[in-house]
């Protein structure tokens, strides 16, 4: 029986990023109407972790909204990770904190983090169209640092930002070079405050992109459908698994609400899937 990996996201620092990524409502530049805070209280993080673990989440991703790690943020993430490792030991801790050095990634590993998520977002060629404050090459370098550090690499991108099919292929082949264990595929969800407003992808186009990712990234353990799933696939969400996905984000996203978790669990049950309980499950 096919097993589906459930991942969850915890925005432990929200809406404080100074970068100009046109796809991201967490940038202070665009003044999107979202909740903004520097550090989420540990009690709240623990409550979210326990609730999502109870729903079947195996991965728990600690996200901060900024270009990369500084000393203060690194200390905060490490303290959160150490506490979660002690209090909710079954969860596989993932950090997603922007660009990071080899040394910083080793600090996270020692604190109990097992994987690092840093998305390429799009192709090297298209990236300057959606971000000008830092180069794509920095993103790629961070992914290389993750592989060197011994952490598991999680890296993917966003479809539907106005990129061409050649851009999509370029991103997927760049990911193949990096050999991530898990590939989050996001589908652009427009926020009225953002300058990026392309025509949305159709459901069929989006399903074809999942199939393409699965074919090219044949060594990845997981193809995960993340942001934009509910809006993009609507009543056809179940078809993402036929297309090659074997992982989804359950619960809310960074600044937008996801589908009610029990609806996802019921969908998986109706499809005859089991929820993966360890990273080794197949």
Protein backbone atom coordinates (compact mmCIF):
# COMPACT_ATOMS: atom_id res chain seq x y z
CA UNK A 1 0.00 0.00 0.00
CA UNK A 2 1.36 3.41 -0.98
CA UNK A 3 2.36 5.58 1.97
CA UNK A 4 2.01 9.35 1.98
CA UNK A 5 4.35 11.59 3.94
CA UNK A 6 2.73 14.47 5.78
CA UNK A 7 4.81 17.57 6.39
CA UNK A 8 3.87 20.67 8.38
CA UNK A 9 5.10 24.25 8.52
CA UNK A 10 5.60 26.48 11.54
CA UNK A 11 6.22 30.14 10.82
CA UNK A 12 8.35 30.96 13.88
CA UNK A 13 9.20 34.43 12.55
CA UNK A 14 6.79 36.16 10.18
CA UNK A 15 6.72 39.04 7.72
CA UNK A 16 10.10 40.55 8.57
CA UNK A 17 12.05 39.95 5.35
CA UNK A 18 13.79 42.88 3.62
CA UNK A 19 14.25 41.09 0.28
CA UNK A 20 12.17 42.01 -2.77
CA UNK A 21 10.96 38.56 -3.92
CA UNK A 22 7.85 39.40 -5.95
CA UNK A 23 6.17 36.09 -5.06
CA UNK A 24 6.41 36.46 -1.29
CA UNK A 25 3.95 38.25 1.00
CA UNK A 26 6.50 38.10 3.85
CA UNK A 27 8.56 40.86 2.23
CA UNK A 28 8.16 44.15 4.11
CA UNK A 29 8.50 45.91 0.75
CA UNK A 30 4.97 45.03 -0.39
CA UNK A 31 3.10 45.67 2.88
CA UNK A 32 0.84 42.64 2.49
CA UNK A 33 -1.89 42.32 5.11
CA UNK A 34 -0.38 39.45 7.10
CA UNK A 35 0.53 38.80 10.72
CA UNK A 36 4.07 39.96 11.50
CA UNK A 37 6.19 38.99 14.52
CA UNK A 38 9.86 38.47 15.38
CA UNK A 39 9.76 35.29 17.47
CA UNK A 40 6.79 33.02 18.07
CA UNK A 41 6.52 32.00 21.75
CA UNK A 42 7.91 28.55 22.49
CA UNK A 43 4.63 27.46 24.10
CA UNK A 44 2.77 28.19 20.86
CA UNK A 45 5.35 26.36 18.75
CA UNK A 46 5.07 23.33 21.02
CA UNK A 47 1.28 23.38 20.82
CA UNK A 48 1.42 23.44 17.02
CA UNK A 49 4.00 20.64 16.94
CA UNK A 50 1.97 18.36 19.20
CA UNK A 51 -1.27 19.02 17.32
CA UNK A 52 0.27 18.34 13.92
CA UNK A 53 2.07 15.23 15.17
CA UNK A 54 -1.28 13.94 16.40
CA UNK A 55 -2.68 14.44 12.90
CA UNK A 56 0.11 12.32 11.44
CA UNK A 57 2.74 14.88 10.42
CA UNK A 58 6.21 13.39 10.25
CA UNK A 59 8.09 16.54 9.24
CA UNK A 60 7.89 19.83 11.14
CA UNK A 61 9.54 22.77 9.40
CA UNK A 62 10.79 25.80 11.35
CA UNK A 63 10.58 28.79 9.00
CA UNK A 64 12.00 32.28 9.48
CA UNK A 65 11.26 35.20 7.15
CA UNK A 66 14.57 36.74 6.20
CA UNK A 67 17.31 36.36 3.61
CA UNK A 68 19.48 34.12 5.73
CA UNK A 69 20.73 33.10 9.13
CA UNK A 70 22.37 35.60 11.49
CA UNK A 71 23.66 34.80 14.99
CA UNK A 72 20.43 35.80 16.76
CA UNK A 73 18.21 33.78 14.45
CA UNK A 74 20.54 30.79 14.58
CA UNK A 75 20.40 30.78 18.40
CA UNK A 76 16.60 31.03 18.32
CA UNK A 77 16.15 28.17 15.83
CA UNK A 78 18.63 25.98 17.70
CA UNK A 79 16.84 26.58 21.01
CA UNK A 80 13.48 25.77 19.43
CA UNK A 81 14.89 22.64 17.80
CA UNK A 82 16.47 21.41 21.03
CA UNK A 83 13.19 21.85 22.91
CA UNK A 84 11.14 20.11 20.22
CA UNK A 85 13.61 17.24 20.01
CA UNK A 86 13.11 16.68 23.73
CA UNK A 87 9.36 17.26 23.93
CA UNK A 88 8.11 15.83 20.60
CA UNK A 89 10.85 13.33 19.67
CA UNK A 90 8.99 11.56 16.84
CA UNK A 91 8.89 14.67 14.66
CA UNK A 92 11.57 15.01 12.02
CA UNK A 93 12.77 18.60 12.39
CA UNK A 94 13.40 20.66 9.28
CA UNK A 95 14.84 24.18 9.24
CA UNK A 96 14.06 26.73 6.53
CA UNK A 97 15.99 29.90 7.30
CA UNK A 98 17.30 31.21 4.00
CA UNK A 99 20.92 31.25 2.92
CA UNK A 100 23.21 29.47 5.36
CA UNK A 101 26.90 28.68 5.68
CA UNK A 102 28.39 25.24 6.24
CA UNK A 103 29.19 26.19 9.85
CA UNK A 104 25.66 27.44 10.58
CA UNK A 105 24.14 24.28 9.15
CA UNK A 106 26.36 22.19 11.40
CA UNK A 107 25.07 24.13 14.41
CA UNK A 108 21.49 23.30 13.38
CA UNK A 109 22.39 19.63 12.97
CA UNK A 110 23.88 19.51 16.45
CA UNK A 111 20.68 21.08 17.85
CA UNK A 112 18.56 18.24 16.46
CA UNK A 113 17.60 19.45 12.99
CA UNK A 114 17.74 16.59 10.46
CA UNK A 115 16.97 18.40 7.18
CA UNK A 116 17.22 21.85 5.66
CA UNK A 117 14.75 23.29 3.17
CA UNK A 118 16.03 25.89 0.74
CA UNK A 119 14.17 26.17 -2.54
CA UNK A 120 15.72 27.26 -5.83
CA UNK A 121 12.27 28.79 -6.58
CA UNK A 122 12.76 28.91 -10.36
CA UNK A 123 15.41 28.70 -13.05
CA UNK A 124 18.69 30.61 -12.83
CA UNK A 125 17.65 32.46 -16.00
CA UNK A 126 14.20 33.58 -14.79
CA UNK A 127 15.14 34.36 -11.18
CA UNK A 128 16.17 38.02 -11.80
CA UNK A 129 12.59 38.64 -12.97
CA UNK A 130 11.23 37.79 -9.51
CA UNK A 131 14.06 38.83 -7.17
CA UNK A 132 16.83 41.42 -7.45
CA UNK A 133 18.19 41.66 -3.90
CA UNK A 134 20.11 38.39 -3.93
CA UNK A 135 21.22 36.07 -6.75
CA UNK A 136 20.03 32.58 -7.58
CA UNK A 137 23.61 31.33 -7.22
CA UNK A 138 23.46 32.02 -3.47
CA UNK A 139 20.48 29.73 -3.22
CA UNK A 140 22.26 26.97 -5.10
CA UNK A 141 25.37 27.40 -2.93
CA UNK A 142 23.31 27.02 0.25
CA UNK A 143 21.91 23.75 -1.09
CA UNK A 144 25.46 22.55 -1.73
CA UNK A 145 26.36 23.54 1.84
CA UNK A 146 23.45 21.44 3.11
CA UNK A 147 24.73 18.38 1.31
CA UNK A 148 28.24 18.95 2.70
CA UNK A 149 26.95 19.36 6.26
CA UNK A 150 25.30 15.96 6.47
CA UNK A 151 21.78 17.38 6.74
CA UNK A 152 19.19 16.03 4.33
CA UNK A 153 18.44 18.50 1.54
CA UNK A 154 14.88 19.54 0.78
CA UNK A 155 14.64 21.82 -2.25
CA UNK A 156 12.04 22.66 -4.85
CA UNK A 157 10.39 25.69 -6.36
CA UNK A 158 7.31 27.54 -7.53
CA UNK A 159 5.39 27.02 -10.74
CA UNK A 160 3.10 29.61 -12.28
CA UNK A 161 5.07 32.85 -11.81
CA UNK A 162 5.16 33.64 -15.51
CA UNK A 163 8.13 31.41 -16.30
CA UNK A 164 8.43 29.42 -19.54
CA UNK A 165 8.47 25.64 -19.88
CA UNK A 166 12.21 25.93 -20.53
CA UNK A 167 12.57 27.67 -17.16
CA UNK A 168 10.70 24.84 -15.46
CA UNK A 169 12.94 22.25 -17.05
CA UNK A 170 16.04 24.26 -16.14
CA UNK A 171 14.98 24.39 -12.48
CA UNK A 172 14.18 20.68 -12.36
CA UNK A 173 17.54 19.73 -13.86
CA UNK A 174 19.33 22.05 -11.42
CA UNK A 175 17.51 20.26 -8.61
CA UNK A 176 18.56 16.92 -10.06
CA UNK A 177 22.21 18.03 -9.76
CA UNK A 178 21.65 18.72 -6.05
CA UNK A 179 19.91 15.38 -5.39
CA UNK A 180 17.41 16.50 -2.70
CA UNK A 181 15.67 13.84 -0.64
CA UNK A 182 12.37 15.74 -0.92
CA UNK A 183 11.15 18.21 -3.56
CA UNK A 184 8.42 20.69 -2.52
CA UNK A 185 6.44 21.88 -5.52
CA UNK A 186 4.54 25.11 -4.91
CA UNK A 187 1.96 26.66 -7.21
CA UNK A 188 1.87 30.43 -7.15
CA UNK A 189 -0.94 31.90 -5.06
CA UNK A 190 -1.42 35.59 -5.80
CA UNK A 191 -1.73 38.13 -3.02
CA UNK A 192 -3.22 41.50 -4.02
CA UNK A 193 -0.24 43.32 -2.49
CA UNK A 194 2.30 41.55 -4.71
CA UNK A 195 3.44 42.92 -8.09
CA UNK A 196 3.48 39.45 -9.65
CA UNK A 197 0.11 38.54 -11.18
CA UNK A 198 0.48 36.03 -14.04
CA UNK A 199 -2.31 33.96 -15.55
CA UNK A 200 -2.86 30.93 -13.32
CA UNK A 201 -1.90 27.45 -14.49
CA UNK A 202 -4.73 25.06 -15.31
CA UNK A 203 -5.21 21.89 -13.29
CA UNK A 204 -4.07 19.74 -16.22
CA UNK A 205 -0.94 21.85 -16.72
CA UNK A 206 -0.14 21.56 -13.02
CA UNK A 207 -0.62 17.79 -12.98
CA UNK A 208 1.69 17.48 -15.98
CA UNK A 209 4.35 19.44 -14.10
CA UNK A 210 4.14 17.02 -11.17
CA UNK A 211 4.60 14.11 -13.58
CA UNK A 212 7.56 15.88 -15.18
CA UNK A 213 9.18 16.48 -11.79
CA UNK A 214 8.70 12.84 -10.82
CA UNK A 215 10.28 11.70 -14.08
CA UNK A 216 13.31 14.00 -13.91
CA UNK A 217 13.86 13.73 -10.14
CA UNK A 218 13.61 9.95 -10.14
CA UNK A 219 16.04 9.56 -7.21
CA UNK A 220 14.13 11.84 -4.83
CA UNK A 221 12.31 9.96 -2.08
CA UNK A 222 9.45 12.44 -2.06
CA UNK A 223 7.67 14.79 -4.41
CA UNK A 224 5.72 17.04 -2.06
CA UNK A 225 2.85 19.28 -3.11
CA UNK A 226 2.96 22.35 -0.90
CA UNK A 227 1.71 25.92 -1.28
CA UNK A 228 -1.20 26.52 -3.63
CA UNK A 229 -2.45 22.93 -3.59
CA UNK A 230 -6.02 23.68 -2.60
CA UNK A 231 -6.39 26.70 -4.89
CA UNK A 232 -4.71 25.10 -7.90
CA UNK A 233 -6.20 21.60 -7.87
CA UNK A 234 -9.57 22.34 -6.21
CA UNK A 235 -11.82 19.26 -6.30
CA UNK A 236 -9.16 17.29 -8.18
CA UNK A 237 -6.56 17.25 -5.41
CA UNK A 238 -6.62 13.46 -5.33
CA UNK A 239 -5.09 13.39 -8.83
CA UNK A 240 -1.74 14.72 -7.58
CA UNK A 241 -0.91 11.23 -6.32
CA UNK A 242 -1.64 9.63 -9.69
CA UNK A 243 0.73 12.22 -11.19
CA UNK A 244 3.59 11.14 -8.93
CA UNK A 245 3.31 13.01 -5.61
CA UNK A 246 3.74 11.05 -2.39
CA UNK A 247 3.84 13.87 0.14
CA UNK A 248 1.72 16.90 1.06
CA UNK A 249 1.81 19.76 3.52
CA UNK A 250 -0.95 19.35 6.09
CA UNK A 251 -2.35 22.29 8.02
CA UNK A 252 -1.65 25.94 7.29
CA UNK A 253 1.06 27.46 5.14
CA UNK A 254 3.25 30.44 5.99
CA UNK A 255 0.75 33.27 5.59
CA UNK A 256 -2.30 31.48 4.16
CA UNK A 257 -4.64 28.87 5.56
CA UNK A 258 -4.59 25.35 4.18
CA UNK A 259 -7.49 22.97 3.90
CA UNK A 260 -8.95 21.64 7.15
CA UNK A 261 -6.58 18.82 8.13
CA UNK A 262 -9.26 16.19 8.63
CA UNK A 263 -10.43 16.71 5.04
CA UNK A 264 -6.94 15.74 3.85
CA UNK A 265 -6.87 12.72 6.15
CA UNK A 266 -10.27 11.61 4.87
CA UNK A 267 -9.07 12.03 1.26
CA UNK A 268 -6.05 9.82 1.92
CA UNK A 269 -8.20 7.20 3.64
CA UNK A 270 -10.69 7.17 0.76
CA UNK A 271 -7.84 6.70 -1.71
CA UNK A 272 -6.55 3.71 0.27
CA UNK A 273 -3.27 5.31 1.33
CA UNK A 274 -1.46 4.92 4.63
CA UNK A 275 0.34 7.75 6.42
CA UNK A 276 4.10 7.25 6.65
CA UNK A 277 5.28 7.02 10.24
CA UNK A 278 9.07 6.98 9.70
CA UNK A 279 11.36 8.52 7.06
CA UNK A 280 12.18 4.99 5.86
CA UNK A 281 8.58 4.12 4.99
CA UNK A 282 7.90 3.34 1.33
